[in-house]
Amino acid sequence: MQVKLSLTCDLAQVPFKISEILDERTNITKEHLGTFKAKVVKNLGAGQEPTLAMIDEIDNLRKVLYLLDANLLESSQVLSGYIQNRLPAPVMPDSTPTQTYDNQHQQLEQLSEALNSLGGRDDTSSQG
């Protein structure tokens, strides 16, 4: 059973910690690849009949590759978050709530005038 652990570190240490995690996982994968090559690939290439042990080695390598893939995905996500956090915050244009309200009010008045002109009437003609 796989268990997910969380790790806390300073933001500046994120790339280093990811490097450590990926280094460990790739070393484990290299070891399993070496064993797989020796027990399966070379033996089959030399004409040896497939065995249940070879099938077990294939399954073991698949599990190791799955864990490598999971670590790569998680590392990619963490590093994306790191990059997002390190980017400068977007600069918002200076506007006060009053300016925004005034702008919206002006747009509503323009829209109202346009609707009235489409109807061929103005506010005074509809009151009579």
N, C-alpha and C. Protein backbone atom coordinates (compact mmCIF):
# COMPACT_ATOMS: atom_id res chain seq x y z
N MET A 1 0.85 -1.17 0.00
CA MET A 1 0.00 0.00 0.00
C MET A 1 0.89 1.24 0.00
N GLN A 2 0.55 2.18 -0.88
CA GLN A 2 1.29 3.42 -0.97
C GLN A 2 0.65 4.46 -0.06
N VAL A 3 1.49 5.25 0.61
CA VAL A 3 1.03 6.30 1.49
C VAL A 3 1.67 7.59 1.03
N LYS A 4 0.89 8.65 0.94
CA LYS A 4 1.41 9.94 0.52
C LYS A 4 1.80 10.74 1.75
N LEU A 5 3.02 11.24 1.77
CA LEU A 5 3.51 12.06 2.86
C LEU A 5 3.66 13.49 2.37
N SER A 6 3.45 14.43 3.26
CA SER A 6 3.68 15.82 2.87
C SER A 6 4.97 16.29 3.52
N LEU A 7 5.58 17.27 2.88
CA LEU A 7 6.86 17.80 3.33
C LEU A 7 6.75 19.31 3.39
N THR A 8 7.25 19.90 4.44
CA THR A 8 7.22 21.34 4.58
C THR A 8 8.65 21.86 4.54
N CYS A 9 8.87 22.90 3.74
CA CYS A 9 10.18 23.52 3.67
C CYS A 9 10.01 24.98 3.26
N ASP A 10 11.08 25.74 3.38
CA ASP A 10 11.05 27.13 2.92
C ASP A 10 10.86 27.15 1.41
N LEU A 11 10.22 28.19 0.92
CA LEU A 11 9.97 28.31 -0.51
C LEU A 11 11.26 28.22 -1.32
N ALA A 12 12.31 28.83 -0.83
CA ALA A 12 13.58 28.83 -1.55
C ALA A 12 14.19 27.44 -1.65
N GLN A 13 13.80 26.52 -0.77
CA GLN A 13 14.34 25.16 -0.75
C GLN A 13 13.59 24.19 -1.65
N VAL A 14 12.47 24.63 -2.24
CA VAL A 14 11.64 23.73 -3.05
C VAL A 14 12.43 23.06 -4.18
N PRO A 15 13.16 23.80 -5.01
CA PRO A 15 13.89 23.11 -6.09
C PRO A 15 14.89 22.06 -5.57
N PHE A 16 15.57 22.37 -4.47
CA PHE A 16 16.53 21.43 -3.90
C PHE A 16 15.82 20.16 -3.40
N LYS A 17 14.71 20.33 -2.70
CA LYS A 17 13.97 19.17 -2.18
C LYS A 17 13.43 18.31 -3.32
N ILE A 18 12.92 18.95 -4.37
CA ILE A 18 12.43 18.20 -5.53
C ILE A 18 13.59 17.44 -6.16
N SER A 19 14.75 18.06 -6.23
CA SER A 19 15.93 17.40 -6.79
C SER A 19 16.27 16.14 -5.98
N GLU A 20 16.23 16.25 -4.66
CA GLU A 20 16.52 15.09 -3.80
C GLU A 20 15.53 13.95 -4.05
N ILE A 21 14.25 14.31 -4.11
CA ILE A 21 13.20 13.29 -4.30
C ILE A 21 13.38 12.61 -5.66
N LEU A 22 13.60 13.39 -6.71
CA LEU A 22 13.75 12.82 -8.05
C LEU A 22 15.03 12.01 -8.17
N ASP A 23 16.09 12.45 -7.52
CA ASP A 23 17.35 11.70 -7.55
C ASP A 23 17.17 10.32 -6.92
N GLU A 24 16.51 10.29 -5.77
CA GLU A 24 16.27 9.01 -5.10
C GLU A 24 15.41 8.09 -5.97
N ARG A 25 14.34 8.63 -6.54
CA ARG A 25 13.43 7.81 -7.35
C ARG A 25 14.10 7.32 -8.62
N THR A 26 14.90 8.17 -9.27
CA THR A 26 15.57 7.72 -10.50
C THR A 26 16.64 6.68 -10.19
N ASN A 27 17.30 6.79 -9.05
CA ASN A 27 18.29 5.76 -8.67
C ASN A 27 17.61 4.41 -8.44
N ILE A 28 16.47 4.43 -7.78
CA ILE A 28 15.71 3.18 -7.57
C ILE A 28 15.29 2.60 -8.92
N THR A 29 14.84 3.46 -9.82
CA THR A 29 14.41 2.99 -11.14
C THR A 29 15.58 2.41 -11.92
N LYS A 30 16.75 3.04 -11.85
CA LYS A 30 17.95 2.52 -12.53
C LYS A 30 18.30 1.13 -12.03
N GLU A 31 18.23 0.94 -10.71
CA GLU A 31 18.55 -0.38 -10.13
C GLU A 31 17.59 -1.44 -10.67
N HIS A 32 16.31 -1.12 -10.69
CA HIS A 32 15.32 -2.09 -11.19
C HIS A 32 15.49 -2.33 -12.69
N LEU A 33 15.85 -1.31 -13.43
CA LEU A 33 16.10 -1.50 -14.86
C LEU A 33 17.27 -2.44 -15.09
N GLY A 34 18.32 -2.30 -14.27
CA GLY A 34 19.47 -3.20 -14.38
C GLY A 34 19.08 -4.65 -14.12
N THR A 35 18.31 -4.86 -13.07
CA THR A 35 17.84 -6.20 -12.73
C THR A 35 16.95 -6.74 -13.83
N PHE A 36 16.04 -5.91 -14.33
CA PHE A 36 15.12 -6.31 -15.39
C PHE A 36 15.89 -6.72 -16.64
N LYS A 37 16.89 -5.92 -16.98
CA LYS A 37 17.67 -6.22 -18.18
C LYS A 37 18.41 -7.54 -18.03
N ALA A 38 18.99 -7.77 -16.84
CA ALA A 38 19.75 -9.00 -16.61
C ALA A 38 18.85 -10.23 -16.56
N LYS A 39 17.73 -10.13 -15.90
CA LYS A 39 16.88 -11.31 -15.67
C LYS A 39 15.87 -11.57 -16.79
N VAL A 40 15.53 -10.54 -17.56
CA VAL A 40 14.50 -10.74 -18.57
C VAL A 40 15.04 -10.51 -19.97
N VAL A 41 15.51 -9.32 -20.24
CA VAL A 41 15.89 -8.96 -21.61
C VAL A 41 17.02 -9.84 -22.13
N LYS A 42 18.10 -9.97 -21.36
CA LYS A 42 19.25 -10.76 -21.83
C LYS A 42 18.90 -12.24 -21.95
N ASN A 43 18.16 -12.76 -20.99
CA ASN A 43 17.81 -14.18 -21.03
C ASN A 43 16.89 -14.50 -22.21
N LEU A 44 15.91 -13.62 -22.44
CA LEU A 44 15.03 -13.85 -23.58
C LEU A 44 15.81 -13.69 -24.88
N GLY A 45 16.71 -12.70 -24.91
CA GLY A 45 17.52 -12.46 -26.10
C GLY A 45 18.48 -13.61 -26.39
N ALA A 46 18.87 -14.32 -25.35
CA ALA A 46 19.78 -15.46 -25.50
C ALA A 46 19.03 -16.74 -25.84
N GLY A 47 17.71 -16.63 -25.99
CA GLY A 47 16.93 -17.81 -26.38
C GLY A 47 16.33 -18.57 -25.23
N GLN A 48 16.46 -18.09 -24.00
CA GLN A 48 15.89 -18.79 -22.85
C GLN A 48 14.37 -18.69 -22.90
N GLU A 49 13.71 -19.74 -22.49
CA GLU A 49 12.25 -19.77 -22.44
C GLU A 49 11.74 -18.82 -21.35
N PRO A 50 10.62 -18.13 -21.61
CA PRO A 50 10.05 -17.26 -20.58
C PRO A 50 9.67 -18.07 -19.34
N THR A 51 9.82 -17.43 -18.18
CA THR A 51 9.48 -18.08 -16.91
C THR A 51 8.55 -17.18 -16.10
N LEU A 52 7.96 -17.76 -15.06
CA LEU A 52 7.12 -16.98 -14.17
C LEU A 52 7.95 -15.90 -13.46
N ALA A 53 9.22 -16.20 -13.19
CA ALA A 53 10.10 -15.21 -12.55
C ALA A 53 10.28 -13.99 -13.47
N MET A 54 10.36 -14.23 -14.77
CA MET A 54 10.50 -13.12 -15.72
C MET A 54 9.23 -12.25 -15.72
N ILE A 55 8.10 -12.93 -15.67
CA ILE A 55 6.83 -12.20 -15.63
C ILE A 55 6.74 -11.37 -14.35
N ASP A 56 7.22 -11.93 -13.23
CA ASP A 56 7.25 -11.18 -11.97
C ASP A 56 8.17 -9.96 -12.09
N GLU A 57 9.31 -10.12 -12.76
CA GLU A 57 10.22 -8.98 -12.96
C GLU A 57 9.57 -7.88 -13.81
N ILE A 58 8.83 -8.29 -14.82
CA ILE A 58 8.11 -7.31 -15.65
C ILE A 58 7.12 -6.55 -14.78
N ASP A 59 6.38 -7.27 -13.95
CA ASP A 59 5.41 -6.63 -13.07
C ASP A 59 6.09 -5.71 -12.07
N ASN A 60 7.23 -6.14 -11.51
CA ASN A 60 7.98 -5.29 -10.57
C ASN A 60 8.43 -4.00 -11.25
N LEU A 61 8.92 -4.09 -12.46
CA LEU A 61 9.37 -2.90 -13.17
C LEU A 61 8.19 -1.97 -13.46
N ARG A 62 7.06 -2.53 -13.81
CA ARG A 62 5.88 -1.69 -14.05
C ARG A 62 5.52 -0.90 -12.80
N LYS A 63 5.60 -1.52 -11.63
CA LYS A 63 5.30 -0.83 -10.37
C LYS A 63 6.31 0.28 -10.10
N VAL A 64 7.57 0.00 -10.36
CA VAL A 64 8.61 1.01 -10.16
C VAL A 64 8.40 2.18 -11.11
N LEU A 65 8.05 1.88 -12.35
CA LEU A 65 7.80 2.95 -13.32
C LEU A 65 6.56 3.76 -12.95
N TYR A 66 5.56 3.10 -12.37
CA TYR A 66 4.38 3.81 -11.90
C TYR A 66 4.76 4.82 -10.81
N LEU A 67 5.59 4.37 -9.87
CA LEU A 67 6.01 5.27 -8.80
C LEU A 67 6.86 6.42 -9.33
N LEU A 68 7.70 6.13 -10.33
CA LEU A 68 8.48 7.19 -10.96
C LEU A 68 7.54 8.20 -11.61
N ASP A 69 6.55 7.71 -12.33
CA ASP A 69 5.60 8.60 -12.99
C ASP A 69 4.84 9.45 -11.97
N ALA A 70 4.42 8.85 -10.86
CA ALA A 70 3.71 9.59 -9.82
C ALA A 70 4.61 10.68 -9.24
N ASN A 71 5.89 10.36 -9.00
CA ASN A 71 6.83 11.37 -8.49
C ASN A 71 7.07 12.48 -9.51
N LEU A 72 7.14 12.12 -10.78
CA LEU A 72 7.34 13.13 -11.82
C LEU A 72 6.13 14.08 -11.90
N LEU A 73 4.94 13.51 -11.83
CA LEU A 73 3.73 14.33 -11.88
C LEU A 73 3.68 15.28 -10.69
N GLU A 74 3.92 14.75 -9.51
CA GLU A 74 3.88 15.57 -8.30
C GLU A 74 4.96 16.65 -8.34
N SER A 75 6.14 16.30 -8.79
CA SER A 75 7.24 17.27 -8.90
C SER A 75 6.89 18.37 -9.88
N SER A 76 6.29 18.00 -10.99
CA SER A 76 5.88 18.98 -11.98
C SER A 76 4.87 19.95 -11.39
N GLN A 77 3.92 19.44 -10.63
CA GLN A 77 2.90 20.29 -10.02
C GLN A 77 3.51 21.22 -8.97
N VAL A 78 4.40 20.68 -8.15
CA VAL A 78 5.03 21.50 -7.11
C VAL A 78 5.88 22.59 -7.74
N LEU A 79 6.65 22.23 -8.77
CA LEU A 79 7.50 23.23 -9.42
C LEU A 79 6.67 24.29 -10.16
N SER A 80 5.54 23.89 -10.71
CA SER A 80 4.64 24.88 -11.34
C SER A 80 4.13 25.86 -10.31
N GLY A 81 3.75 25.36 -9.14
CA GLY A 81 3.31 26.23 -8.05
C GLY A 81 4.43 27.13 -7.58
N TYR A 82 5.63 26.58 -7.53
CA TYR A 82 6.80 27.37 -7.13
C TYR A 82 7.02 28.53 -8.10
N ILE A 83 6.96 28.23 -9.39
CA ILE A 83 7.17 29.26 -10.40
C ILE A 83 6.07 30.32 -10.30
N GLN A 84 4.82 29.88 -10.13
CA GLN A 84 3.71 30.83 -10.00
C GLN A 84 3.92 31.75 -8.79
N ASN A 85 4.41 31.17 -7.71
CA ASN A 85 4.62 31.95 -6.48
C ASN A 85 5.77 32.93 -6.63
N ARG A 86 6.76 32.58 -7.43
CA ARG A 86 7.94 33.43 -7.60
C ARG A 86 7.73 34.55 -8.61
N LEU A 87 6.71 34.42 -9.47
CA LEU A 87 6.45 35.46 -10.45
C LEU A 87 5.89 36.70 -9.75
N PRO A 88 6.24 37.88 -10.24
CA PRO A 88 5.68 39.08 -9.62
C PRO A 88 4.17 39.13 -9.80
N ALA A 89 3.50 39.70 -8.82
CA ALA A 89 2.04 39.81 -8.88
C ALA A 89 1.66 40.77 -10.00
N PRO A 90 0.59 40.46 -10.73
CA PRO A 90 0.17 41.37 -11.80
C PRO A 90 -0.24 42.72 -11.23
N VAL A 91 0.12 43.76 -11.95
CA VAL A 91 -0.20 45.12 -11.51
C VAL A 91 -1.59 45.47 -12.04
N MET A 92 -2.46 45.83 -11.12
CA MET A 92 -3.81 46.21 -11.49
C MET A 92 -3.84 47.70 -11.77
N PRO A 93 -4.62 48.13 -12.75
CA PRO A 93 -4.71 49.56 -13.02
C PRO A 93 -5.29 50.29 -11.83
N ASP A 94 -4.81 51.52 -11.63
CA ASP A 94 -5.31 52.33 -10.52
C ASP A 94 -6.74 52.74 -10.81
N SER A 95 -7.63 52.36 -9.95
CA SER A 95 -9.02 52.81 -10.06
C SER A 95 -9.62 52.77 -8.67
N THR A 96 -10.35 53.78 -8.36
CA THR A 96 -11.02 53.83 -7.07
C THR A 96 -12.44 53.34 -7.27
N PRO A 97 -13.07 52.90 -6.20
CA PRO A 97 -14.46 52.43 -6.34
C PRO A 97 -15.37 53.49 -6.94
N THR A 98 -15.12 54.76 -6.64
CA THR A 98 -15.95 55.83 -7.19
C THR A 98 -15.79 55.91 -8.70
N GLN A 99 -14.54 55.79 -9.17
CA GLN A 99 -14.31 55.85 -10.60
C GLN A 99 -15.01 54.68 -11.29
N THR A 100 -14.95 53.53 -10.69
CA THR A 100 -15.60 52.36 -11.27
C THR A 100 -17.11 52.56 -11.31
N TYR A 101 -17.68 53.06 -10.21
CA TYR A 101 -19.12 53.32 -10.17
C TYR A 101 -19.51 54.35 -11.22
N ASP A 102 -18.74 55.45 -11.30
CA ASP A 102 -19.05 56.50 -12.28
C ASP A 102 -19.00 55.94 -13.70
N ASN A 103 -18.01 55.11 -13.96
CA ASN A 103 -17.87 54.52 -15.29
C ASN A 103 -19.06 53.61 -15.60
N GLN A 104 -19.46 52.79 -14.64
CA GLN A 104 -20.60 51.90 -14.84
C GLN A 104 -21.89 52.70 -15.02
N HIS A 105 -22.05 53.76 -14.22
CA HIS A 105 -23.24 54.60 -14.33
C HIS A 105 -23.32 55.25 -15.72
N GLN A 106 -22.19 55.72 -16.21
CA GLN A 106 -22.14 56.35 -17.54
C GLN A 106 -22.49 55.31 -18.62
N GLN A 107 -21.97 54.09 -18.48
CA GLN A 107 -22.27 53.05 -19.46
C GLN A 107 -23.76 52.71 -19.44
N LEU A 108 -24.36 52.66 -18.26
CA LEU A 108 -25.80 52.38 -18.17
C LEU A 108 -26.63 53.48 -18.82
N GLU A 109 -26.22 54.73 -18.61
CA GLU A 109 -26.94 55.83 -19.25
C GLU A 109 -26.85 55.75 -20.77
N GLN A 110 -25.66 55.41 -21.28
CA GLN A 110 -25.49 55.28 -22.73
C GLN A 110 -26.34 54.14 -23.27
N LEU A 111 -26.37 53.04 -22.54
CA LEU A 111 -27.18 51.90 -22.96
C LEU A 111 -28.66 52.26 -22.96
N SER A 112 -29.10 52.97 -21.93
CA SER A 112 -30.50 53.39 -21.84
C SER A 112 -30.87 54.30 -23.01
N GLU A 113 -29.99 55.25 -23.33
CA GLU A 113 -30.24 56.14 -24.46
C GLU A 113 -30.31 55.37 -25.77
N ALA A 114 -29.42 54.38 -25.93
CA ALA A 114 -29.43 53.59 -27.16
C ALA A 114 -30.71 52.78 -27.27
N LEU A 115 -31.18 52.22 -26.16
CA LEU A 115 -32.43 51.45 -26.18
C LEU A 115 -33.62 52.34 -26.50
N ASN A 116 -33.62 53.53 -25.92
CA ASN A 116 -34.71 54.48 -26.19
C ASN A 116 -34.73 54.87 -27.66
N SER A 117 -33.57 55.11 -28.24
CA SER A 117 -33.53 55.51 -29.65
C SER A 117 -33.95 54.36 -30.55
N LEU A 118 -33.70 53.13 -30.16
CA LEU A 118 -34.15 51.98 -30.95
C LEU A 118 -35.67 51.87 -30.93
N GLY A 119 -36.27 52.24 -29.82
CA GLY A 119 -37.72 52.18 -29.69
C GLY A 119 -38.39 53.39 -30.33
N GLY A 120 -37.63 54.37 -30.79
CA GLY A 120 -38.18 55.55 -31.44
C GLY A 120 -38.89 56.48 -30.48
N ARG A 121 -38.49 56.45 -29.20
CA ARG A 121 -39.11 57.33 -28.23
C ARG A 121 -38.09 57.73 -27.19
N ASP A 122 -38.41 58.74 -26.42
CA ASP A 122 -37.58 59.11 -25.29
C ASP A 122 -38.44 59.07 -24.05
N ASP A 123 -37.86 59.35 -22.90
CA ASP A 123 -38.59 59.23 -21.61
C ASP A 123 -39.81 60.13 -21.54
N THR A 124 -39.76 61.33 -22.15
CA THR A 124 -40.87 62.28 -22.04
C THR A 124 -42.07 61.84 -22.88
N SER A 125 -41.86 61.17 -24.00
CA SER A 125 -42.97 60.78 -24.85
C SER A 125 -43.76 59.64 -24.26
N SER A 126 -43.13 58.83 -23.41
CA SER A 126 -43.84 57.69 -22.85
C SER A 126 -44.68 58.08 -21.65
N GLN A 127 -44.50 59.30 -21.12
CA GLN A 127 -45.25 59.71 -19.95
C GLN A 127 -46.60 60.32 -20.35
N GLY A 128 -46.77 60.72 -21.58
CA GLY A 128 -47.97 61.42 -22.02
C GLY A 128 -49.06 60.55 -22.38
